[in-house]
């Protein structure tokens, strides 16, 4: 997810159910940060940017888990399908590291 359309991010964020927005706020998602990115401001701290990117990735993966099609999720988040598949595969590989038989 190297390129983020911050307008799309804000649109998705603002339409999330209250419970998901509460989760986002608990981990550090800020309306002011997203709006600043829309206006072209640079991130003052890389860690804040990483939190926002990870949350967006988590939302995309959440849609895939809820069995939305890859194409629909890619269109909703304006993410390249190949990048989304790679994210899904990397997440599965990471999760398998913690699976114990």
N, C-alpha and C. Protein backbone atom coordinates (compact mmCIF):
# COMPACT_ATOMS: atom_id res chain seq x y z
N UNK A 1 0.83 -1.18 0.00
CA UNK A 1 0.00 0.00 0.00
C UNK A 1 0.88 1.24 0.00
N UNK A 2 1.66 1.39 -1.03
CA UNK A 2 2.57 2.53 -1.09
C UNK A 2 1.83 3.83 -1.41
N UNK A 3 0.82 3.74 -2.26
CA UNK A 3 0.07 4.94 -2.62
C UNK A 3 -1.30 4.88 -1.96
N UNK A 4 -1.61 5.88 -1.18
CA UNK A 4 -2.90 5.95 -0.50
C UNK A 4 -3.66 7.17 -1.01
N UNK A 5 -4.90 6.96 -1.42
CA UNK A 5 -5.77 8.07 -1.76
C UNK A 5 -6.45 8.49 -0.45
N UNK A 6 -5.96 9.56 0.12
CA UNK A 6 -6.42 9.98 1.44
C UNK A 6 -7.88 10.42 1.44
N UNK A 7 -8.38 10.87 0.30
CA UNK A 7 -9.81 11.19 0.20
C UNK A 7 -10.64 9.93 0.37
N UNK A 8 -10.20 8.85 -0.26
CA UNK A 8 -10.88 7.56 -0.12
C UNK A 8 -10.79 7.09 1.32
N UNK A 9 -9.60 7.21 1.91
CA UNK A 9 -9.40 6.80 3.31
C UNK A 9 -10.40 7.55 4.20
N UNK A 10 -10.48 8.86 4.04
CA UNK A 10 -11.38 9.65 4.89
C UNK A 10 -12.84 9.25 4.66
N UNK A 11 -13.20 8.99 3.43
CA UNK A 11 -14.56 8.57 3.11
C UNK A 11 -14.89 7.25 3.80
N UNK A 12 -13.96 6.29 3.72
CA UNK A 12 -14.15 5.00 4.39
C UNK A 12 -14.23 5.20 5.89
N UNK A 13 -13.29 5.97 6.44
CA UNK A 13 -13.23 6.23 7.88
C UNK A 13 -14.53 6.87 8.38
N UNK A 14 -15.01 7.86 7.68
CA UNK A 14 -16.19 8.60 8.15
C UNK A 14 -17.47 7.76 8.07
N UNK A 15 -17.47 6.71 7.25
CA UNK A 15 -18.66 5.86 7.12
C UNK A 15 -18.59 4.58 7.95
N UNK A 16 -17.49 4.41 8.69
CA UNK A 16 -17.37 3.22 9.53
C UNK A 16 -18.41 3.25 10.65
N UNK A 17 -18.88 2.07 11.06
CA UNK A 17 -19.76 2.03 12.23
C UNK A 17 -19.03 2.60 13.46
N UNK A 18 -19.79 3.11 14.39
CA UNK A 18 -19.24 3.74 15.59
C UNK A 18 -18.24 2.84 16.31
N UNK A 19 -18.55 1.55 16.40
CA UNK A 19 -17.66 0.62 17.11
C UNK A 19 -16.29 0.54 16.44
N UNK A 20 -16.26 0.49 15.11
CA UNK A 20 -14.98 0.43 14.41
C UNK A 20 -14.23 1.75 14.52
N UNK A 21 -14.94 2.86 14.50
CA UNK A 21 -14.27 4.15 14.68
C UNK A 21 -13.68 4.24 16.09
N UNK A 22 -14.38 3.70 17.06
CA UNK A 22 -13.87 3.71 18.44
C UNK A 22 -12.56 2.92 18.51
N UNK A 23 -12.53 1.77 17.85
CA UNK A 23 -11.30 0.97 17.81
C UNK A 23 -10.18 1.78 17.16
N UNK A 24 -10.48 2.41 16.03
CA UNK A 24 -9.49 3.23 15.35
C UNK A 24 -8.93 4.33 16.24
N UNK A 25 -9.82 5.00 16.94
CA UNK A 25 -9.37 6.09 17.82
C UNK A 25 -8.53 5.56 18.97
N UNK A 26 -8.86 4.35 19.46
CA UNK A 26 -8.09 3.76 20.55
C UNK A 26 -6.65 3.46 20.15
N UNK A 27 -6.45 3.15 18.86
CA UNK A 27 -5.09 2.84 18.41
C UNK A 27 -4.37 4.05 17.82
N UNK A 28 -5.07 5.20 17.75
CA UNK A 28 -4.39 6.42 17.34
C UNK A 28 -4.81 7.01 16.01
N UNK A 29 -5.92 6.57 15.44
CA UNK A 29 -6.40 7.17 14.19
C UNK A 29 -6.98 8.55 14.51
N UNK A 30 -6.53 9.54 13.75
CA UNK A 30 -6.93 10.93 13.99
C UNK A 30 -7.55 11.53 12.74
N UNK A 31 -8.73 12.11 12.89
CA UNK A 31 -9.35 12.83 11.77
C UNK A 31 -8.40 13.91 11.26
N UNK A 32 -7.78 14.61 12.19
CA UNK A 32 -6.90 15.73 11.82
C UNK A 32 -5.72 15.26 10.98
N UNK A 33 -5.20 14.06 11.26
CA UNK A 33 -4.08 13.54 10.48
C UNK A 33 -4.53 13.24 9.05
N UNK A 34 -5.68 12.56 8.92
CA UNK A 34 -6.18 12.20 7.59
C UNK A 34 -6.48 13.46 6.79
N UNK A 35 -7.14 14.43 7.42
CA UNK A 35 -7.45 15.69 6.72
C UNK A 35 -6.18 16.43 6.33
N UNK A 36 -5.17 16.37 7.19
CA UNK A 36 -3.88 16.98 6.86
C UNK A 36 -3.24 16.33 5.65
N UNK A 37 -3.33 15.01 5.56
CA UNK A 37 -2.77 14.30 4.40
C UNK A 37 -3.53 14.66 3.13
N UNK A 38 -4.84 14.85 3.24
CA UNK A 38 -5.63 15.27 2.08
C UNK A 38 -5.12 16.62 1.58
N UNK A 39 -4.75 17.49 2.51
CA UNK A 39 -4.26 18.83 2.16
C UNK A 39 -2.80 18.82 1.74
N UNK A 40 -2.16 17.65 1.78
CA UNK A 40 -0.79 17.54 1.31
C UNK A 40 0.28 17.70 2.37
N UNK A 41 -0.12 17.74 3.63
CA UNK A 41 0.88 17.87 4.70
C UNK A 41 1.67 16.58 4.85
N UNK A 42 2.93 16.75 5.19
CA UNK A 42 3.79 15.60 5.45
C UNK A 42 3.56 15.12 6.88
N UNK A 43 3.73 13.83 7.09
CA UNK A 43 3.58 13.27 8.43
C UNK A 43 4.73 13.74 9.30
N UNK A 44 4.40 14.26 10.48
CA UNK A 44 5.45 14.73 11.38
C UNK A 44 6.18 13.56 12.03
N UNK A 45 5.48 12.46 12.21
CA UNK A 45 6.10 11.27 12.80
C UNK A 45 5.75 10.05 11.95
N UNK A 46 6.74 9.28 11.64
CA UNK A 46 6.53 8.09 10.83
C UNK A 46 5.62 7.10 11.54
N UNK A 47 5.72 7.02 12.87
CA UNK A 47 4.90 6.07 13.62
C UNK A 47 3.41 6.36 13.47
N UNK A 48 3.04 7.64 13.39
CA UNK A 48 1.63 8.00 13.19
C UNK A 48 1.17 7.55 11.81
N UNK A 49 2.01 7.75 10.83
CA UNK A 49 1.70 7.31 9.47
C UNK A 49 1.53 5.80 9.43
N UNK A 50 2.43 5.07 10.09
CA UNK A 50 2.35 3.61 10.10
C UNK A 50 1.06 3.12 10.73
N UNK A 51 0.63 3.76 11.80
CA UNK A 51 -0.63 3.37 12.44
C UNK A 51 -1.79 3.52 11.46
N UNK A 52 -1.82 4.62 10.74
CA UNK A 52 -2.90 4.86 9.78
C UNK A 52 -2.85 3.87 8.61
N UNK A 53 -1.67 3.56 8.13
CA UNK A 53 -1.55 2.60 7.04
C UNK A 53 -1.94 1.19 7.49
N UNK A 54 -1.52 0.82 8.69
CA UNK A 54 -1.88 -0.51 9.21
C UNK A 54 -3.38 -0.64 9.42
N UNK A 55 -3.99 0.43 9.89
CA UNK A 55 -5.44 0.38 10.12
C UNK A 55 -6.17 0.23 8.79
N UNK A 56 -5.74 0.95 7.77
CA UNK A 56 -6.37 0.81 6.46
C UNK A 56 -6.18 -0.60 5.92
N UNK A 57 -4.99 -1.16 6.11
CA UNK A 57 -4.74 -2.54 5.69
C UNK A 57 -5.65 -3.50 6.44
N UNK A 58 -5.81 -3.27 7.73
CA UNK A 58 -6.68 -4.13 8.54
C UNK A 58 -8.13 -4.05 8.08
N UNK A 59 -8.57 -2.86 7.70
CA UNK A 59 -9.94 -2.72 7.21
C UNK A 59 -10.13 -3.48 5.89
N UNK A 60 -9.14 -3.41 5.02
CA UNK A 60 -9.23 -4.14 3.75
C UNK A 60 -9.26 -5.65 4.01
N UNK A 61 -8.40 -6.12 4.90
CA UNK A 61 -8.39 -7.55 5.25
C UNK A 61 -9.70 -7.96 5.91
N UNK A 62 -10.25 -7.09 6.72
CA UNK A 62 -11.52 -7.36 7.38
C UNK A 62 -12.63 -7.57 6.35
N UNK A 63 -12.64 -6.75 5.30
CA UNK A 63 -13.62 -6.93 4.23
C UNK A 63 -13.42 -8.26 3.52
N UNK A 64 -12.17 -8.66 3.32
CA UNK A 64 -11.91 -9.95 2.68
C UNK A 64 -12.37 -11.10 3.57
N UNK A 65 -12.15 -10.97 4.87
CA UNK A 65 -12.60 -12.00 5.81
C UNK A 65 -14.12 -12.10 5.80
N UNK A 66 -14.78 -10.97 5.60
CA UNK A 66 -16.25 -10.97 5.54
C UNK A 66 -16.75 -11.43 4.17
N UNK A 67 -15.83 -11.93 3.36
CA UNK A 67 -16.10 -12.58 2.07
C UNK A 67 -16.58 -11.63 0.97
N UNK A 68 -16.15 -10.38 1.06
CA UNK A 68 -16.32 -9.50 -0.10
C UNK A 68 -15.30 -9.95 -1.14
N UNK A 69 -15.62 -9.80 -2.40
CA UNK A 69 -14.70 -10.25 -3.44
C UNK A 69 -13.45 -9.37 -3.46
N UNK A 70 -12.37 -9.97 -3.93
CA UNK A 70 -11.10 -9.25 -4.03
C UNK A 70 -11.27 -7.99 -4.88
N UNK A 71 -12.00 -8.12 -5.98
CA UNK A 71 -12.23 -6.98 -6.86
C UNK A 71 -12.99 -5.86 -6.19
N UNK A 72 -14.03 -6.23 -5.42
CA UNK A 72 -14.82 -5.22 -4.72
C UNK A 72 -13.98 -4.48 -3.67
N UNK A 73 -13.18 -5.23 -2.94
CA UNK A 73 -12.33 -4.61 -1.91
C UNK A 73 -11.29 -3.71 -2.56
N UNK A 74 -10.69 -4.19 -3.63
CA UNK A 74 -9.68 -3.39 -4.34
C UNK A 74 -10.29 -2.08 -4.85
N UNK A 75 -11.51 -2.16 -5.37
CA UNK A 75 -12.18 -0.94 -5.86
C UNK A 75 -12.53 -0.01 -4.70
N UNK A 76 -13.05 -0.57 -3.62
CA UNK A 76 -13.47 0.26 -2.49
C UNK A 76 -12.30 1.05 -1.91
N UNK A 77 -11.15 0.38 -1.78
CA UNK A 77 -9.98 1.00 -1.16
C UNK A 77 -9.04 1.62 -2.19
N UNK A 78 -9.37 1.44 -3.46
CA UNK A 78 -8.51 1.89 -4.57
C UNK A 78 -7.09 1.37 -4.40
N UNK A 79 -7.04 0.05 -4.18
CA UNK A 79 -5.78 -0.66 -4.03
C UNK A 79 -5.64 -1.60 -5.23
N UNK A 80 -4.46 -1.68 -5.78
CA UNK A 80 -4.18 -2.62 -6.85
C UNK A 80 -4.51 -4.03 -6.37
N UNK A 81 -5.19 -4.81 -7.22
CA UNK A 81 -5.57 -6.18 -6.83
C UNK A 81 -4.37 -7.02 -6.46
N UNK A 82 -3.29 -6.88 -7.19
CA UNK A 82 -2.07 -7.64 -6.89
C UNK A 82 -1.51 -7.28 -5.53
N UNK A 83 -1.53 -5.99 -5.21
CA UNK A 83 -1.04 -5.54 -3.89
C UNK A 83 -1.93 -6.08 -2.78
N UNK A 84 -3.22 -6.11 -3.04
CA UNK A 84 -4.16 -6.63 -2.05
C UNK A 84 -3.96 -8.14 -1.84
N UNK A 85 -3.73 -8.87 -2.93
CA UNK A 85 -3.45 -10.31 -2.81
C UNK A 85 -2.16 -10.54 -2.04
N UNK A 86 -1.16 -9.73 -2.31
CA UNK A 86 0.11 -9.84 -1.59
C UNK A 86 -0.09 -9.58 -0.10
N UNK A 87 -0.86 -8.55 0.23
CA UNK A 87 -1.17 -8.24 1.63
C UNK A 87 -1.87 -9.42 2.29
N UNK A 88 -2.81 -10.01 1.59
CA UNK A 88 -3.55 -11.15 2.12
C UNK A 88 -2.62 -12.35 2.35
N UNK A 89 -1.76 -12.61 1.39
CA UNK A 89 -0.83 -13.74 1.51
C UNK A 89 0.17 -13.50 2.65
N UNK A 90 0.71 -12.30 2.75
CA UNK A 90 1.66 -12.00 3.82
C UNK A 90 1.00 -12.10 5.19
N UNK A 91 -0.24 -11.68 5.28
CA UNK A 91 -0.96 -11.77 6.55
C UNK A 91 -1.20 -13.22 6.94
N UNK A 92 -1.54 -14.05 5.96
CA UNK A 92 -1.76 -15.47 6.24
C UNK A 92 -0.45 -16.13 6.67
N UNK A 93 0.64 -15.80 6.01
CA UNK A 93 1.94 -16.35 6.37
C UNK A 93 2.32 -15.93 7.79
N UNK A 94 2.10 -14.67 8.12
CA UNK A 94 2.42 -14.16 9.45
C UNK A 94 1.56 -14.87 10.50
N UNK A 95 0.27 -15.04 10.21
CA UNK A 95 -0.64 -15.69 11.16
C UNK A 95 -0.24 -17.15 11.39
N UNK A 96 0.24 -17.81 10.35
CA UNK A 96 0.64 -19.22 10.47
C UNK A 96 1.84 -19.39 11.39
N UNK A 97 2.64 -18.37 11.55
CA UNK A 97 3.80 -18.45 12.44
C UNK A 97 3.37 -18.66 13.88
N UNK A 98 2.15 -18.26 14.20
CA UNK A 98 1.67 -18.35 15.58
C UNK A 98 0.75 -19.54 15.81
N UNK A 99 0.50 -20.28 14.74
CA UNK A 99 -0.39 -21.43 14.85
C UNK A 99 0.42 -22.63 15.32
N UNK A 100 -0.04 -23.25 16.39
CA UNK A 100 0.66 -24.42 16.94
C UNK A 100 -0.30 -25.60 16.91
N UNK A 101 0.19 -26.69 16.38
CA UNK A 101 -0.65 -27.91 16.30
C UNK A 101 -0.57 -28.66 17.61
